[in-house]
Amino acid sequence: MPSPAPRPDRSTRRLAALAAVAAACAVAFTPLAAASAAVVPDPITFSADDAALSLAPIGTYETGAFDQSAAEIVAAYGDRLFVVNALAGSVSVLDYSDPAAITEEFALSSPGVANSVAVRADGLGVVAVESTTKTDAGHLLFFDARATDAASAVLGTVQVGALPDMVTIVPDGKYALIANEGEPADDFSVDPEGSVSVVKLPKRIAAPTQKDVKTADFHAYEVGGGKTLPQDVRVFGPQPHGDDHPVSRNLEPEYIAVDGNNAYVALQEANAIAVVQIPSARVTDILPLGAKDLGLAENALDPSDKDKAFALRSYPGLKGLFMPDGIQSYTAGGKTYLVTANEGDAREWGEYSEVSRVKDLAKNGRGAVCATSPLAASLGDAALGRLNVTIEDGFDAAAGCYSELYAFGGRSFSIWSTDGTLVFDSGSQFEQLTAAAIPSFVNSNHTASNFEGRSDDKGPEPEGVAIGKVQGRTYAFIGFERVGGVAVFDVTDPAASRFVTYVNNRDFSVSVEDGGDLAAAGDLGPEGVAFIPAAASATGTPLLAVGNEVSGTTTLFEITALVD
């Protein structure tokens, strides 16, 4: 979920997916040829001296499709992995009973584009499917994860909101929750409302009916709606529908975490989290996340791809908007905490874009950087000149210039209390640890192997996060979309979270965009990250499954405790 636009490769993958399913009117059996797959000869590993666990790739399934979102979100059930293949518009059902020889059994498809998948403990599965016209209502496809083929797996469908981008099932299995992102049309002519669907699930393995679907909307936050939108929730940009629910059309639910009867929904571009009361399907609060002070030493970043050297620097007056993609919840000390992967994202549709390089603000934004700003002396290409920032924040209307600048994302993961209070942020650690692990390719892109290729944008670009327990301790597993790999942090004590290990199943000597062999490159562009506890694992050991949208690979990592 590259470039400043939300899911920047969505249009490409949609065209491919629609071509694949254009003739489909019902669920189909879609066999795909399995490609040979193996982990790279020397996976990159960098660990803390006192690391309590290790992570090692033990098997990969390869589609052979480059940069077409052929492996995204992953869910596990029994000895199967269910992997969203947006290129094919389907969900691949993989047998991983032998992780070294993962094979595809069949695929589940439905008219439209598959975006997300989840499976309940008893085997009731659900796929979130985007409409063939993305601004139209999407639907959910329910299936039996125990079935032997696609035809017998299918249980039925229900309609939900526009562009259902993520689906999760609450821990007790009573509800499925869907983040209906409601992105605008590519030309910004239509902007559907964002919403969250709450679907009451049957106790048995069966599809719910349409009457079981409720919608949590944001109408109460419109003018006259009864609730006040917090000032720091970012609502901006063109309004193709005028005064017809402009707030609801602007807010775009991205990802969902659950705690009891409450869901916490990342509103990525708005830099906020919505709180949804699940049984009533009602939005009860919106929590603005604020900005990270990149003028502090602990939050330093490398902001330039043209300075020919990696150097972390802090800039008073520069802020980072957290803008989380993945969000998860867990408990510690009897309290619930939210964990976010602070990817950053921008609105960029049709002729509108909120993105500008710092040096171009005078022509792209509302004015230049103020001469009185502490940032004014750092506008060259080797400093902040090439950094991408938003034109929508930091402008001093009275002075007619930007007194502060706001970059996209935090280049970090954060832990929050459920009232939106920041408890922990990893600061500069992601750039520090990747620079130590792969100094020649720090802040590399995913399609090509390069040095500092993403320093001017969002750095390693943390996107997905999973939470798991190993030997009584709680760990966060964070995937880096650009440079690749997974970083593991011990979050047992939220305020004192600490780095454990980083593993990257990638061979940087192979640059696919420059003509290198995809099969030899390893994993590119981690998207979905799923923790599989030992009790639910086909191997009897805890595993991490990662879907990589650029390399089209699904890789299993074995988690090994290093201390008793």
Protein backbone atom coordinates (compact mmCIF):
# COMPACT_ATOMS: atom_id res chain seq x y z
CA MET A 1 0.00 0.00 0.00
CA PRO A 2 4.74 3.31 -3.43
CA SER A 3 4.74 6.85 -4.83
CA PRO A 4 2.68 9.25 -2.84
CA ALA A 5 -0.71 7.94 -3.87
CA PRO A 6 -2.65 5.52 -1.64
CA ARG A 7 -2.00 1.99 -2.86
CA PRO A 8 -0.05 3.50 -5.75
CA ASP A 9 -0.04 0.30 -7.74
CA ARG A 10 -3.79 -0.21 -7.30
CA SER A 11 -4.69 0.96 -10.81
CA THR A 12 -2.14 -1.36 -12.42
CA ARG A 13 -3.20 -4.36 -10.42
CA ARG A 14 -6.88 -3.54 -10.98
CA LEU A 15 -6.48 -3.58 -14.76
CA ALA A 16 -4.73 -6.92 -14.61
CA ALA A 17 -7.27 -8.33 -12.20
CA LEU A 18 -10.27 -7.15 -14.19
CA ALA A 19 -8.81 -8.67 -17.33
CA ALA A 20 -8.51 -11.95 -15.48
CA VAL A 21 -12.06 -11.94 -14.13
CA ALA A 22 -13.97 -9.97 -16.74
CA ALA A 23 -15.85 -13.06 -17.87
CA ALA A 24 -16.50 -14.33 -14.38
CA CYS A 25 -20.02 -14.24 -13.02
CA ALA A 26 -19.44 -16.59 -10.11
CA VAL A 27 -16.66 -18.04 -8.05
CA ALA A 28 -14.23 -19.99 -10.18
CA PHE A 29 -11.53 -22.61 -9.86
CA THR A 30 -8.35 -20.82 -10.89
CA PRO A 31 -5.27 -23.04 -10.93
CA LEU A 32 -1.91 -21.33 -11.27
CA ALA A 33 1.37 -22.93 -12.22
CA ALA A 34 3.71 -23.10 -9.25
CA ALA A 35 7.13 -21.62 -9.80
CA SER A 36 10.29 -22.97 -8.28
CA ALA A 37 11.06 -21.10 -5.11
CA ALA A 38 13.78 -20.95 -2.54
CA VAL A 39 15.11 -18.56 0.04
CA VAL A 40 18.14 -16.51 -0.99
CA PRO A 41 21.52 -18.09 -0.21
CA ASP A 42 22.44 -15.54 2.47
CA PRO A 43 19.45 -13.85 4.10
CA ILE A 44 20.43 -10.65 5.87
CA THR A 45 20.31 -10.87 9.64
CA PHE A 46 21.11 -8.19 12.19
CA SER A 47 20.33 -8.72 15.87
CA ALA A 48 20.68 -7.10 19.25
CA ASP A 49 23.38 -8.63 21.45
CA ASP A 50 20.73 -9.93 23.86
CA ALA A 51 18.23 -11.09 21.23
CA ALA A 52 15.83 -13.59 22.76
CA LEU A 53 14.62 -15.02 19.47
CA SER A 54 15.71 -15.49 15.90
CA LEU A 55 13.82 -15.35 12.63
CA ALA A 56 14.85 -17.44 9.64
CA PRO A 57 13.17 -17.99 6.23
CA ILE A 58 12.34 -21.66 5.70
CA GLY A 59 10.22 -21.65 2.55
CA THR A 60 8.79 -19.49 -0.23
CA TYR A 61 6.00 -19.77 -2.76
CA GLU A 62 6.67 -17.79 -5.91
CA THR A 63 4.11 -16.62 -8.49
CA GLY A 64 6.72 -15.27 -10.90
CA ALA A 65 4.85 -11.96 -11.27
CA PHE A 66 6.93 -8.81 -10.73
CA ASP A 67 5.48 -5.63 -9.23
CA GLN A 68 1.86 -6.66 -9.82
CA SER A 69 0.66 -7.33 -6.26
CA ALA A 70 0.52 -11.10 -6.75
CA ALA A 71 1.04 -11.73 -3.01
CA GLU A 72 -0.36 -9.30 -0.44
CA ILE A 73 -2.40 -10.14 2.65
CA VAL A 74 -1.89 -13.56 4.30
CA ALA A 75 -4.09 -15.57 6.65
CA ALA A 76 -3.35 -19.06 8.02
CA TYR A 77 -5.62 -21.96 8.87
CA GLY A 78 -4.43 -25.50 9.56
CA ASP A 79 -1.73 -26.34 7.05
CA ARG A 80 -2.97 -23.74 4.58
CA LEU A 81 -2.09 -20.15 3.81
CA PHE A 82 -4.72 -17.96 2.17
CA VAL A 83 -2.93 -15.28 0.16
CA VAL A 84 -4.48 -12.32 -1.64
CA ASN A 85 -3.30 -12.30 -5.26
CA ALA A 86 -4.58 -8.94 -6.49
CA LEU A 87 -3.06 -9.52 -9.94
CA ALA A 88 -5.43 -12.44 -10.46
CA GLY A 89 -8.18 -10.81 -8.39
CA SER A 90 -8.29 -13.91 -6.22
CA VAL A 91 -7.09 -15.64 -3.05
CA SER A 92 -4.54 -18.42 -3.51
CA VAL A 93 -4.92 -21.42 -1.22
CA LEU A 94 -1.44 -22.73 -0.44
CA ASP A 95 -0.46 -25.96 1.31
CA TYR A 96 2.50 -25.27 3.58
CA SER A 97 2.63 -28.62 5.40
CA ASP A 98 6.13 -28.85 3.94
CA PRO A 99 7.39 -25.25 4.16
CA ALA A 100 10.28 -26.03 1.84
CA ALA A 101 7.85 -27.10 -0.89
CA ILE A 102 4.76 -24.88 -0.64
CA THR A 103 2.19 -25.71 -3.31
CA GLU A 104 -1.03 -24.12 -4.52
CA GLU A 105 -4.18 -26.22 -4.18
CA PHE A 106 -6.73 -23.89 -5.79
CA ALA A 107 -7.84 -20.26 -5.83
CA LEU A 108 -10.98 -18.46 -4.75
CA SER A 109 -12.22 -15.65 -6.96
CA SER A 110 -15.25 -13.42 -7.35
CA PRO A 111 -16.00 -10.58 -9.80
CA GLY A 112 -13.80 -7.66 -8.77
CA VAL A 113 -10.45 -7.44 -6.99
CA ALA A 114 -9.62 -9.34 -3.80
CA ASN A 115 -8.06 -7.02 -1.21
CA SER A 116 -7.99 -8.87 2.11
CA VAL A 117 -8.74 -12.22 3.73
CA ALA A 118 -9.38 -13.51 7.25
CA VAL A 119 -10.27 -16.93 8.69
CA ARG A 120 -12.13 -17.69 11.92
CA ALA A 121 -10.84 -20.37 14.30
CA ASP A 122 -13.45 -22.87 13.08
CA GLY A 123 -12.61 -22.33 9.39
CA LEU A 124 -15.17 -19.72 8.32
CA GLY A 125 -13.28 -17.53 5.88
CA VAL A 126 -14.04 -14.14 4.36
CA VAL A 127 -12.55 -12.21 1.44
CA ALA A 128 -12.99 -8.46 0.97
CA VAL A 129 -13.64 -7.82 -2.74
CA GLU A 130 -13.46 -4.44 -4.43
CA SER A 131 -16.02 -3.79 -7.17
CA THR A 132 -14.98 -3.75 -10.83
CA THR A 133 -15.71 -0.02 -10.53
CA LYS A 134 -13.83 0.77 -7.36
CA THR A 135 -16.12 3.61 -6.28
CA ASP A 136 -19.14 1.27 -6.27
CA ALA A 137 -20.13 -0.89 -3.32
CA GLY A 138 -17.87 -3.88 -2.77
CA HIS A 139 -18.75 -7.26 -1.31
CA LEU A 140 -17.57 -10.03 0.98
CA LEU A 141 -17.08 -13.58 -0.21
CA PHE A 142 -17.53 -16.20 2.53
CA PHE A 143 -15.87 -19.59 2.23
CA ASP A 144 -15.09 -22.79 4.12
CA ALA A 145 -11.34 -22.93 4.73
CA ARG A 146 -11.53 -26.71 5.17
CA ALA A 147 -12.94 -27.40 1.69
CA THR A 148 -11.02 -29.41 -0.87
CA ASP A 149 -11.78 -27.22 -3.87
CA ALA A 150 -13.14 -23.80 -4.79
CA ALA A 151 -16.58 -25.00 -5.80
CA SER A 152 -17.31 -26.63 -2.44
CA ALA A 153 -15.62 -23.83 -0.48
CA VAL A 154 -17.95 -21.03 -1.50
CA LEU A 155 -20.72 -20.14 0.94
CA GLY A 156 -22.15 -16.83 -0.29
CA THR A 157 -21.70 -13.07 -0.44
CA VAL A 158 -22.97 -9.85 1.15
CA GLN A 159 -22.60 -6.25 0.00
CA VAL A 160 -20.51 -3.73 1.95
CA GLY A 161 -19.13 -0.22 1.31
CA ALA A 162 -16.94 1.14 -1.44
CA LEU A 163 -13.48 -0.37 -1.75
CA PRO A 164 -13.41 -2.82 1.17
CA ASP A 165 -9.67 -2.80 1.76
CA MET A 166 -9.24 -4.80 4.95
CA VAL A 167 -11.25 -7.45 6.78
CA THR A 168 -10.72 -8.90 10.23
CA ILE A 169 -12.71 -11.21 12.47
CA VAL A 170 -13.05 -10.30 16.15
CA PRO A 171 -11.37 -12.71 18.61
CA ASP A 172 -14.62 -14.32 19.78
CA GLY A 173 -15.70 -14.89 16.17
CA LYS A 174 -19.01 -13.05 16.42
CA TYR A 175 -18.33 -10.29 13.90
CA ALA A 176 -16.37 -9.53 10.77
CA LEU A 177 -15.20 -5.91 10.48
CA ILE A 178 -14.39 -4.28 7.16
CA ALA A 179 -12.51 -1.04 6.48
CA ASN A 180 -14.29 0.44 3.44
CA GLU A 181 -11.63 2.84 2.23
CA GLY A 182 -13.80 4.71 -0.25
CA GLU A 183 -10.94 6.07 -2.35
CA PRO A 184 -11.83 8.62 -5.04
CA ALA A 185 -11.98 7.69 -8.70
CA ASP A 186 -8.61 7.99 -10.38
CA ASP A 187 -9.70 11.31 -11.95
CA PHE A 188 -11.28 12.50 -8.65
CA SER A 189 -14.69 12.82 -10.33
CA VAL A 190 -16.29 10.59 -7.69
CA ASP A 191 -15.35 10.29 -4.02
CA PRO A 192 -17.41 7.69 -2.13
CA GLU A 193 -17.80 7.79 1.62
CA GLY A 194 -15.41 5.91 3.86
CA SER A 195 -17.10 3.59 6.35
CA VAL A 196 -16.70 0.50 8.49
CA SER A 197 -18.96 -2.51 7.95
CA VAL A 198 -19.92 -4.63 10.96
CA VAL A 199 -21.17 -8.06 9.95
CA LYS A 200 -22.74 -10.42 12.49
CA LEU A 201 -21.48 -13.92 11.73
CA PRO A 202 -23.36 -17.22 12.06
CA LYS A 203 -22.20 -19.59 14.79
CA ARG A 204 -21.75 -22.30 12.19
CA ILE A 205 -19.66 -22.24 9.01
CA ALA A 206 -22.10 -20.45 6.75
CA ALA A 207 -22.52 -17.09 5.06
CA PRO A 208 -24.42 -14.34 6.85
CA THR A 209 -27.29 -12.58 5.11
CA GLN A 210 -27.50 -8.95 4.04
CA LYS A 211 -29.60 -8.12 7.10
CA ASP A 212 -26.59 -9.05 9.24
CA VAL A 213 -24.61 -6.12 7.81
CA LYS A 214 -24.47 -2.76 9.60
CA THR A 215 -22.52 0.32 8.59
CA ALA A 216 -20.58 2.67 10.85
CA ASP A 217 -20.34 6.01 9.05
CA PHE A 218 -18.92 9.44 9.84
CA HIS A 219 -22.08 11.48 9.31
CA ALA A 220 -22.09 12.70 12.92
CA TYR A 221 -18.89 14.63 12.17
CA GLU A 222 -20.41 16.63 9.31
CA VAL A 223 -21.52 20.21 9.94
CA GLY A 224 -24.64 19.98 12.07
CA GLY A 225 -24.12 16.28 12.71
CA GLY A 226 -23.85 16.57 16.48
CA LYS A 227 -20.15 15.76 16.91
CA THR A 228 -17.16 18.05 16.47
CA LEU A 229 -14.34 16.83 14.30
CA PRO A 230 -11.08 17.28 16.24
CA GLN A 231 -9.03 20.11 14.77
CA ASP A 232 -5.97 18.02 13.92
CA VAL A 233 -7.86 15.39 11.91
CA ARG A 234 -6.75 16.07 8.34
CA VAL A 235 -9.73 16.77 6.06
CA PHE A 236 -8.70 18.58 2.89
CA GLY A 237 -8.56 18.58 -0.87
CA PRO A 238 -11.17 18.81 -3.63
CA GLN A 239 -14.84 18.14 -2.88
CA PRO A 240 -16.36 16.77 -6.10
CA HIS A 241 -19.71 16.35 -4.31
CA GLY A 242 -19.75 19.78 -2.70
CA ASP A 243 -21.46 19.84 0.69
CA ASP A 244 -22.70 16.27 0.42
CA HIS A 245 -20.87 14.65 3.38
CA PRO A 246 -17.44 16.15 2.64
CA VAL A 247 -15.94 14.81 5.89
CA SER A 248 -17.26 11.28 5.35
CA ARG A 249 -15.96 11.26 1.77
CA ASN A 250 -12.54 12.47 2.90
CA LEU A 251 -11.97 9.93 5.69
CA GLU A 252 -10.61 6.64 4.33
CA PRO A 253 -10.51 3.67 6.75
CA GLU A 254 -7.39 1.60 6.13
CA TYR A 255 -6.85 -1.05 8.82
CA ILE A 256 -8.61 -2.30 11.96
CA ALA A 257 -7.56 -3.50 15.43
CA VAL A 258 -9.99 -4.88 18.00
CA ASP A 259 -10.31 -4.66 21.78
CA GLY A 260 -13.48 -6.11 23.28
CA ASN A 261 -16.50 -4.24 21.90
CA ASN A 262 -14.37 -1.51 20.34
CA ALA A 263 -12.61 -1.38 17.00
CA TYR A 264 -9.75 1.03 16.35
CA VAL A 265 -9.59 2.02 12.70
CA ALA A 266 -6.58 3.69 11.09
CA LEU A 267 -7.60 6.69 8.98
CA GLN A 268 -4.24 6.91 7.27
CA GLU A 269 -4.37 10.08 5.18
CA ALA A 270 -6.31 11.86 7.95
CA ASN A 271 -3.55 10.92 10.44
CA ALA A 272 -6.11 9.68 12.95
CA ILE A 273 -7.73 6.62 14.49
CA ALA A 274 -11.51 6.18 14.61
CA VAL A 275 -13.11 4.32 17.51
CA VAL A 276 -16.09 2.16 16.51
CA GLN A 277 -18.48 0.53 18.98
CA ILE A 278 -18.88 -2.86 17.34
CA PRO A 279 -22.36 -4.16 18.28
CA SER A 280 -24.03 -0.84 17.46
CA ALA A 281 -21.81 -0.07 14.44
CA ARG A 282 -21.34 3.49 15.66
CA VAL A 283 -18.27 5.75 15.48
CA THR A 284 -17.83 7.04 19.03
CA ASP A 285 -14.59 9.02 18.69
CA ILE A 286 -11.86 10.11 16.30
CA LEU A 287 -8.37 10.40 17.78
CA PRO A 288 -5.91 12.72 15.99
CA LEU A 289 -2.35 11.39 16.18
CA GLY A 290 -0.50 14.67 15.82
CA ALA A 291 3.03 14.90 14.46
CA LYS A 292 6.44 13.56 15.30
CA ASP A 293 9.08 16.22 15.99
CA LEU A 294 11.90 15.57 13.51
CA GLY A 295 13.87 18.35 15.14
CA LEU A 296 14.70 16.04 18.06
CA ALA A 297 17.91 14.01 17.92
CA GLU A 298 16.10 10.74 18.68
CA ASN A 299 13.88 11.28 15.63
CA ALA A 300 16.64 12.19 13.15
CA LEU A 301 16.25 11.04 9.55
CA ASP A 302 18.20 10.87 6.31
CA PRO A 303 16.13 13.19 4.07
CA SER A 304 18.06 13.25 0.79
CA ASP A 305 18.68 10.77 -2.00
CA LYS A 306 21.29 13.06 -3.57
CA ASP A 307 23.77 13.74 -0.77
CA LYS A 308 25.86 10.63 -1.59
CA ALA A 309 26.13 9.71 2.08
CA PHE A 310 23.83 8.26 4.70
CA ALA A 311 23.57 10.60 7.67
CA LEU A 312 20.79 10.95 10.22
CA ARG A 313 20.00 14.59 10.87
CA SER A 314 17.41 16.51 12.86
CA TYR A 315 15.72 19.71 11.66
CA PRO A 316 13.84 22.01 14.06
CA GLY A 317 10.59 22.96 12.32
CA LEU A 318 10.28 19.65 10.45
CA LYS A 319 7.54 17.26 11.54
CA GLY A 320 6.47 13.79 10.48
CA LEU A 321 2.79 12.84 10.19
CA PHE A 322 2.45 9.32 11.61
CA MET A 323 -0.21 8.23 9.08
CA PRO A 324 -0.30 4.55 10.08
CA ASP A 325 -1.19 1.74 7.73
CA GLY A 326 -1.18 -1.47 9.78
CA ILE A 327 -2.59 -1.35 13.30
CA GLN A 328 -2.81 -4.10 15.94
CA SER A 329 -3.80 -4.30 19.60
CA TYR A 330 -2.49 -6.23 22.60
CA THR A 331 -2.65 -6.15 26.38
CA ALA A 332 0.12 -5.53 28.89
CA GLY A 333 -0.31 -5.02 32.61
CA GLY A 334 -4.07 -5.28 32.24
CA LYS A 335 -4.26 -2.41 29.73
CA THR A 336 -4.85 -2.42 26.00
CA TYR A 337 -2.36 -0.79 23.65
CA LEU A 338 -2.45 -0.04 19.94
CA VAL A 339 0.59 -0.69 17.73
CA THR A 340 0.89 1.21 14.45
CA ALA A 341 3.24 0.91 11.47
CA ASN A 342 3.75 4.56 10.52
CA GLU A 343 4.02 4.27 6.75
CA GLY A 344 2.72 7.66 5.61
CA ASP A 345 0.49 8.22 2.61
CA ALA A 346 -0.85 11.12 0.57
CA ARG A 347 -3.95 12.08 -1.37
CA GLU A 348 -3.09 12.32 -5.05
CA TRP A 349 -5.94 11.86 -7.51
CA GLY A 350 -6.66 13.48 -10.86
CA GLU A 351 -5.13 16.95 -11.01
CA TYR A 352 -4.89 17.20 -7.24
CA SER A 353 -1.78 16.25 -5.26
CA GLU A 354 -0.83 17.27 -1.75
CA VAL A 355 2.79 16.26 -2.41
CA SER A 356 5.66 18.61 -3.15
CA ARG A 357 9.40 18.50 -2.79
CA VAL A 358 10.52 21.15 -0.31
CA LYS A 359 12.41 23.08 -2.98
CA ASP A 360 9.26 23.27 -5.14
CA LEU A 361 6.83 24.57 -2.53
CA ALA A 362 6.74 28.06 -4.02
CA LYS A 363 5.17 26.69 -7.22
CA ASN A 364 3.34 23.59 -5.90
CA GLY A 365 2.09 24.86 -2.57
CA ARG A 366 0.80 28.16 -1.25
CA GLY A 367 4.18 29.78 -0.89
CA ALA A 368 7.85 29.21 -0.10
CA VAL A 369 9.45 28.36 3.23
CA CYS A 370 9.45 31.42 5.47
CA ALA A 371 12.77 33.25 5.60
CA THR A 372 12.35 33.35 9.38
CA SER A 373 11.85 29.58 9.66
CA PRO A 374 14.74 27.53 11.11
CA LEU A 375 14.33 25.40 7.97
CA ALA A 376 15.25 28.24 5.60
CA ALA A 377 18.97 27.44 5.70
CA SER A 378 18.41 23.75 4.79
CA LEU A 379 16.67 23.88 1.41
CA GLY A 380 19.42 22.48 -0.82
CA ASP A 381 19.21 19.04 -2.42
CA ALA A 382 21.76 17.60 0.00
CA ALA A 383 19.55 18.66 2.91
CA LEU A 384 15.75 19.05 2.71
CA GLY A 385 15.32 20.25 -0.87
CA ARG A 386 14.26 16.88 -2.26
CA LEU A 387 12.21 15.69 0.70
CA ASN A 388 8.54 15.12 -0.11
CA VAL A 389 6.21 17.05 2.19
CA THR A 390 2.53 17.97 2.21
CA ILE A 391 1.33 21.33 0.97
CA GLU A 392 -1.67 21.10 3.30
CA ASP A 393 0.08 21.57 6.67
CA GLY A 394 2.51 24.11 8.10
CA PHE A 395 1.43 27.14 6.08
CA ASP A 396 1.35 30.46 7.92
CA ALA A 397 -1.51 32.31 6.23
CA ALA A 398 -0.65 35.65 7.86
CA ALA A 399 2.97 35.50 6.69
CA GLY A 400 2.16 33.88 3.32
CA CYS A 401 4.80 31.15 3.70
CA TYR A 402 5.51 27.79 5.35
CA SER A 403 6.81 28.19 8.90
CA GLU A 404 6.88 24.43 9.44
CA LEU A 405 7.04 21.43 7.12
CA TYR A 406 5.32 18.07 7.45
CA ALA A 407 6.73 14.90 5.90
CA PHE A 408 4.76 11.72 5.25
CA GLY A 409 5.07 8.98 7.86
CA GLY A 410 7.10 8.50 11.00
CA ARG A 411 9.70 6.03 9.62
CA SER A 412 8.84 4.16 12.82
CA PHE A 413 6.32 2.11 14.71
CA SER A 414 4.43 3.49 17.67
CA ILE A 415 2.53 2.22 20.69
CA TRP A 416 -0.51 4.18 21.84
CA SER A 417 -3.00 3.94 24.67
CA THR A 418 -6.60 3.54 23.52
CA ASP A 419 -7.25 7.24 24.13
CA GLY A 420 -4.59 8.17 21.56
CA THR A 421 -1.75 8.98 23.98
CA LEU A 422 1.68 8.14 22.56
CA VAL A 423 3.43 5.61 24.84
CA PHE A 424 6.42 4.65 22.66
CA ASP A 425 7.90 5.47 19.28
CA SER A 426 10.90 3.75 17.73
CA GLY A 427 12.37 7.10 16.67
CA SER A 428 15.26 6.66 14.21
CA GLN A 429 15.84 2.99 14.94
CA PHE A 430 14.53 1.66 11.62
CA GLU A 431 17.00 3.70 9.60
CA GLN A 432 19.77 2.97 12.11
CA LEU A 433 19.32 -0.79 12.06
CA THR A 434 18.95 -1.08 8.28
CA ALA A 435 22.05 1.09 7.83
CA ALA A 436 23.96 -1.28 10.10
CA ALA A 437 22.60 -4.39 8.39
CA ILE A 438 22.93 -3.26 4.75
CA PRO A 439 25.04 -0.08 4.63
CA SER A 440 25.35 -0.10 0.84
CA PHE A 441 21.58 -0.32 0.34
CA VAL A 442 20.09 1.66 3.22
CA ASN A 443 16.72 3.16 2.23
CA SER A 444 16.77 1.18 -1.00
CA ASN A 445 13.70 0.93 -3.18
CA HIS A 446 12.03 -2.45 -3.70
CA THR A 447 11.85 -2.71 -7.49
CA ALA A 448 15.52 -1.76 -7.78
CA SER A 449 18.51 -2.17 -5.51
CA ASN A 450 19.92 1.27 -4.77
CA PHE A 451 21.48 3.46 -2.09
CA GLU A 452 19.18 6.01 -0.43
CA GLY A 453 16.59 5.64 -3.18
CA ARG A 454 13.80 6.35 -0.67
CA SER A 455 15.55 8.76 1.69
CA ASP A 456 13.67 11.67 0.12
CA ASP A 457 10.32 10.02 0.72
CA LYS A 458 9.46 7.65 3.59
CA GLY A 459 12.69 5.76 4.23
CA PRO A 460 12.19 2.04 4.98
CA GLU A 461 8.41 2.64 4.85
CA PRO A 462 7.01 0.44 7.64
CA GLU A 463 3.66 -0.91 6.48
CA GLY A 464 2.42 -4.13 8.06
CA VAL A 465 2.59 -5.19 11.70
CA ALA A 466 1.76 -8.42 13.50
CA ILE A 467 1.77 -9.16 17.22
CA GLY A 468 2.68 -12.54 18.72
CA LYS A 469 3.70 -14.17 21.96
CA VAL A 470 6.74 -16.43 22.27
CA GLN A 471 7.64 -17.99 25.62
CA GLY A 472 5.53 -15.50 27.51
CA ARG A 473 6.89 -12.35 25.91
CA THR A 474 5.07 -10.18 23.38
CA TYR A 475 6.71 -9.19 20.10
CA ALA A 476 5.85 -6.82 17.28
CA PHE A 477 6.86 -7.89 13.77
CA ILE A 478 7.05 -4.92 11.39
CA GLY A 479 7.52 -5.27 7.64
CA PHE A 480 9.44 -2.62 5.64
CA GLU A 481 7.78 -2.10 2.27
CA ARG A 482 10.76 -0.56 0.46
CA VAL A 483 14.11 -1.85 1.69
CA GLY A 484 12.38 -5.08 2.68
CA GLY A 485 12.69 -7.37 5.66
CA VAL A 486 11.02 -7.66 9.04
CA ALA A 487 12.12 -5.99 12.27
CA VAL A 488 11.18 -7.59 15.58
CA PHE A 489 10.72 -5.60 18.79
CA ASP A 490 9.96 -6.88 22.26
CA VAL A 491 6.90 -4.87 23.34
CA THR A 492 6.14 -6.74 26.57
CA ASP A 493 6.74 -3.51 28.45
CA PRO A 494 5.22 -0.97 26.04
CA ALA A 495 7.09 2.10 27.24
CA ALA A 496 10.41 0.24 27.21
CA SER A 497 10.05 -1.63 23.91
CA ARG A 498 13.37 -2.72 22.45
CA PHE A 499 14.84 -4.02 19.22
CA VAL A 500 15.46 -7.77 18.95
CA THR A 501 16.33 -8.74 15.38
CA TYR A 502 15.97 -7.82 11.71
CA VAL A 503 15.85 -10.35 8.86
CA ASN A 504 15.63 -9.67 5.12
CA ASN A 505 15.24 -12.50 2.61
CA ARG A 506 16.62 -10.38 -0.24
CA ASP A 507 19.68 -10.46 -2.45
CA PHE A 508 20.61 -6.84 -3.14
CA SER A 509 23.10 -7.87 -5.81
CA VAL A 510 20.04 -8.57 -7.96
CA SER A 511 18.15 -5.46 -9.11
CA VAL A 512 15.05 -6.63 -10.94
CA GLU A 513 14.09 -3.24 -12.34
CA ASP A 514 17.53 -3.12 -13.92
CA GLY A 515 17.14 -6.53 -15.58
CA GLY A 516 18.03 -8.90 -12.74
CA ASP A 517 16.40 -12.31 -12.29
CA LEU A 518 13.23 -12.08 -10.18
CA ALA A 519 13.64 -15.62 -8.88
CA ALA A 520 17.08 -14.77 -7.51
CA ALA A 521 16.14 -11.45 -5.92
CA GLY A 522 14.21 -12.88 -2.98
CA ASP A 523 11.42 -10.97 -1.26
CA LEU A 524 10.53 -7.48 -2.49
CA GLY A 525 7.86 -5.22 -1.01
CA PRO A 526 6.49 -6.89 2.15
CA GLU A 527 2.78 -6.08 2.41
CA GLY A 528 0.95 -8.47 4.75
CA VAL A 529 2.50 -9.92 7.92
CA ALA A 530 0.81 -12.71 9.89
CA PHE A 531 1.98 -14.39 13.11
CA ILE A 532 1.16 -18.08 13.42
CA PRO A 533 1.47 -19.39 17.00
CA ALA A 534 2.99 -22.82 17.56
CA ALA A 535 -0.39 -24.29 18.56
CA ALA A 536 -1.88 -23.32 15.19
CA SER A 537 1.19 -23.99 13.05
CA ALA A 538 1.52 -26.91 10.65
CA THR A 539 5.14 -27.28 11.78
CA GLY A 540 4.44 -27.13 15.51
CA THR A 541 6.71 -24.09 15.80
CA PRO A 542 5.77 -20.39 15.73
CA LEU A 543 5.96 -18.92 12.25
CA LEU A 544 5.68 -15.60 10.49
CA ALA A 545 4.04 -15.51 7.05
CA VAL A 546 4.82 -12.54 4.80
CA GLY A 547 3.17 -11.64 1.49
CA ASN A 548 5.47 -9.62 -0.80
CA GLU A 549 3.58 -7.61 -3.41
CA VAL A 550 6.54 -6.68 -5.65
CA SER A 551 8.27 -10.09 -5.87
CA GLY A 552 4.94 -11.96 -5.78
CA THR A 553 6.32 -14.30 -3.13
CA THR A 554 4.85 -15.64 0.09
CA THR A 555 7.57 -16.52 2.58
CA LEU A 556 7.48 -18.41 5.87
CA PHE A 557 9.90 -17.53 8.64
CA GLU A 558 10.50 -19.87 11.57
CA ILE A 559 10.68 -18.18 14.97
CA THR A 560 13.13 -19.77 17.39
CA ALA A 561 13.47 -18.81 21.04
CA LEU A 562 17.13 -18.36 22.00
CA VAL A 563 16.61 -18.37 25.76
CA ASP A 564 14.46 -20.54 28.01
